[in-house]
Protein backbone atom coordinates (compact mmCIF):
# COMPACT_ATOMS: atom_id res chain seq x y z
CA MET A 1 20.33 -5.10 10.57
CA ARG A 2 20.74 -2.59 7.76
CA PHE A 3 18.45 -2.17 4.78
CA ALA A 4 20.01 -0.64 1.68
CA ALA A 5 19.28 -0.68 -2.05
CA PRO A 6 15.61 -1.74 -1.87
CA HIS A 7 14.41 -4.27 -4.40
CA GLU A 8 11.05 -2.52 -4.65
CA LEU A 9 9.36 0.61 -3.31
CA ILE A 10 5.75 0.18 -2.24
CA ARG A 11 3.77 3.39 -1.73
CA ALA A 12 0.23 4.44 -0.99
CA ASP A 13 -0.25 8.17 -1.46
CA ASP A 14 -4.04 8.11 -1.17
CA ALA A 15 -6.43 6.18 1.08
CA ASP A 16 -7.72 4.11 -1.84
CA GLU A 17 -4.17 2.89 -2.57
CA VAL A 18 -3.62 1.39 0.91
CA PRO A 19 -5.24 -2.03 0.21
CA ARG A 20 -3.10 -2.47 -2.94
CA ALA A 21 0.05 -1.58 -1.01
CA GLN A 22 -0.89 -4.04 1.74
CA ASP A 23 -1.36 -6.78 -0.86
CA GLN A 24 2.03 -5.99 -2.41
CA MET A 25 3.70 -6.11 1.00
CA GLU A 26 2.05 -9.44 1.83
CA ARG A 27 3.19 -10.96 -1.49
CA ALA A 28 6.75 -9.75 -0.83
CA ARG A 29 6.68 -11.17 2.70
CA ALA A 30 5.28 -14.50 1.47
CA ALA A 31 8.14 -14.63 -1.05
CA GLY A 32 10.63 -14.42 1.83
CA LYS A 33 11.47 -10.73 1.49
CA TRP A 34 11.73 -8.25 4.33
CA CYS A 35 9.50 -5.17 4.45
CA ALA A 36 10.99 -2.11 6.11
CA GLY A 37 9.70 1.41 6.28
CA TYR A 38 7.06 3.41 8.03
CA LEU A 39 3.41 4.36 8.05
CA SER A 40 2.32 7.88 8.78
CA TYR A 41 -0.52 8.78 11.11
CA GLU A 42 -2.75 9.51 8.13
CA THR A 43 -2.50 5.87 7.00
CA GLY A 44 -5.27 5.14 9.48
CA TYR A 45 -7.74 6.78 7.08
CA GLY A 46 -6.87 4.18 4.45
CA LEU A 47 -7.16 1.32 6.91
CA ASP A 48 -10.65 2.30 8.07
CA PRO A 49 -13.22 0.65 5.75
CA ARG A 50 -15.61 3.58 6.31
CA ASN A 51 -13.18 5.67 4.26
CA SER A 52 -12.93 3.33 1.28
CA VAL A 53 -13.37 4.82 -2.16
CA PRO A 54 -15.66 2.79 -4.45
CA ALA A 55 -14.20 1.75 -7.79
CA ARG A 56 -15.35 3.78 -10.77
CA ALA A 57 -17.54 2.01 -13.28
CA GLY A 58 -16.42 2.08 -16.90
CA GLY A 59 -12.70 2.61 -16.30
CA THR A 60 -10.87 5.90 -16.33
CA SER A 61 -12.13 9.08 -17.87
CA ALA A 62 -10.20 11.38 -20.19
């Protein structure tokens, strides 16, 4: 099997982005798409709930 010309690129560059990326991958899988790629060792930090980053109140700051 060969994967070329991806329909979408899903990334998580920080630990707090991992849950969003997991949700995106699950939606793609549920829609019948294949997910191919890799996770680095450091992804474990984003998967461990003790490392979660609480959402900021009041939105983003300038």
